[in-house]
Amino acid sequence: MSVTITSVLASVVCVAVLRWAWGVLNWVWFRPTRVERCLRQQGFAGKPYRFLVGDWKENTDMLKEARTKPIGLSDAILPRVMPFLHQLVKDYGI
């Protein structure tokens, strides 16, 4: 059994790819869920972590709905400009 340069190179490439994949998995899944768990233990409430997209669809739906409604001069501007943030503050407080 002889060790060739190509087998060593293939092993190094495999290790590098696995290390990169572990780093990406840690960045997009493990770290956010660990932070979420720690915050919940401290008593913070909020929406659960959702992989990559988060609250993007909810945010865009609320923004579209808010823009379809007319606004008067004496109405509050925050529910119109940032409806998702306004709803989060209403639900979970500051």
Protein backbone atom coordinates (compact mmCIF):
# COMPACT_ATOMS: atom_id res chain seq x y z
CA MET A 1 0.00 0.00 0.00
CA SER A 2 1.75 3.09 -1.20
CA VAL A 3 0.72 6.63 -0.48
CA THR A 4 0.50 8.74 -3.58
CA ILE A 5 0.35 12.47 -3.91
CA THR A 6 -3.17 12.30 -5.34
CA SER A 7 -4.50 10.33 -2.38
CA VAL A 8 -2.93 12.79 0.06
CA LEU A 9 -4.30 15.71 -1.93
CA ALA A 10 -7.76 14.11 -2.05
CA SER A 11 -7.66 13.60 1.72
CA VAL A 12 -6.65 17.21 2.33
CA VAL A 13 -9.43 18.45 0.04
CA CYS A 14 -11.99 16.24 1.82
CA VAL A 15 -10.91 17.54 5.22
CA ALA A 16 -11.04 21.15 3.98
CA VAL A 17 -14.54 20.68 2.52
CA LEU A 18 -15.81 19.02 5.70
CA ARG A 19 -14.34 21.80 7.84
CA TRP A 20 -15.96 24.45 5.64
CA ALA A 21 -19.32 22.60 5.71
CA TRP A 22 -19.16 22.36 9.52
CA GLY A 23 -18.45 26.09 9.76
CA VAL A 24 -21.42 26.92 7.53
CA LEU A 25 -23.69 24.57 9.49
CA ASN A 26 -22.54 26.17 12.73
CA TRP A 27 -23.20 29.66 11.29
CA VAL A 28 -26.70 28.98 9.94
CA TRP A 29 -28.08 26.48 12.45
CA PHE A 30 -26.18 25.65 15.63
CA ARG A 31 -25.22 29.16 16.78
CA PRO A 32 -28.67 30.76 16.22
CA THR A 33 -30.49 27.94 18.00
CA ARG A 34 -28.00 28.07 20.88
CA VAL A 35 -28.51 31.83 21.23
CA GLU A 36 -32.28 31.36 21.06
CA ARG A 37 -32.17 28.72 23.80
CA CYS A 38 -30.04 30.97 26.04
CA LEU A 39 -32.37 33.94 25.54
CA ARG A 40 -35.43 31.84 26.33
CA GLN A 41 -33.76 30.62 29.54
CA GLN A 42 -33.25 34.26 30.51
CA GLY A 43 -36.95 34.95 30.02
CA PHE A 44 -36.97 36.62 26.61
CA ALA A 45 -39.94 35.77 24.43
CA GLY A 46 -40.01 35.94 20.69
CA LYS A 47 -40.52 34.07 17.48
CA PRO A 48 -38.56 30.85 16.99
CA TYR A 49 -35.56 30.74 14.67
CA ARG A 50 -36.37 29.74 11.12
CA PHE A 51 -33.61 28.50 8.85
CA LEU A 52 -32.27 31.19 6.48
CA VAL A 53 -35.54 32.96 5.60
CA GLY A 54 -36.62 33.94 9.10
CA ASP A 55 -39.67 36.20 9.07
CA TRP A 56 -39.17 37.40 5.50
CA LYS A 57 -42.54 36.18 4.15
CA GLU A 58 -44.48 37.50 7.14
CA ASN A 59 -42.73 40.85 6.87
CA THR A 60 -43.44 41.26 3.15
CA ASP A 61 -47.08 40.17 3.54
CA MET A 62 -47.67 42.67 6.34
CA LEU A 63 -45.95 45.44 4.35
CA LYS A 64 -48.11 44.75 1.28
CA GLU A 65 -51.26 44.75 3.40
CA ALA A 66 -50.30 48.00 5.14
CA ARG A 67 -49.58 49.75 1.85
CA THR A 68 -53.00 48.86 0.44
CA LYS A 69 -54.83 50.69 3.23
CA PRO A 70 -55.27 54.46 3.01
CA ILE A 71 -53.66 56.60 5.68
CA GLY A 72 -54.98 59.83 7.09
CA LEU A 73 -53.00 62.87 8.22
CA SER A 74 -53.66 62.18 11.89
CA ASP A 75 -52.89 58.43 11.73
CA ALA A 76 -49.75 56.88 13.22
CA ILE A 77 -47.05 56.39 10.61
CA LEU A 78 -45.18 53.45 12.20
CA PRO A 79 -47.84 50.80 11.43
CA ARG A 80 -47.73 51.91 7.81
CA VAL A 81 -43.96 52.15 7.34
CA MET A 82 -42.82 49.24 9.53
CA PRO A 83 -45.84 47.04 10.25
CA PHE A 84 -43.81 43.96 11.20
CA LEU A 85 -41.74 45.83 13.78
CA HIS A 86 -44.88 47.50 15.11
CA GLN A 87 -46.57 44.10 15.50
CA LEU A 88 -43.51 42.63 17.27
CA VAL A 89 -43.48 45.50 19.76
CA LYS A 90 -47.21 45.05 20.36
CA ASP A 91 -46.82 41.30 20.87
CA TYR A 92 -43.61 41.10 22.88
CA GLY A 93 -43.08 44.63 24.21
CA ILE A 94 -39.80 46.49 24.45
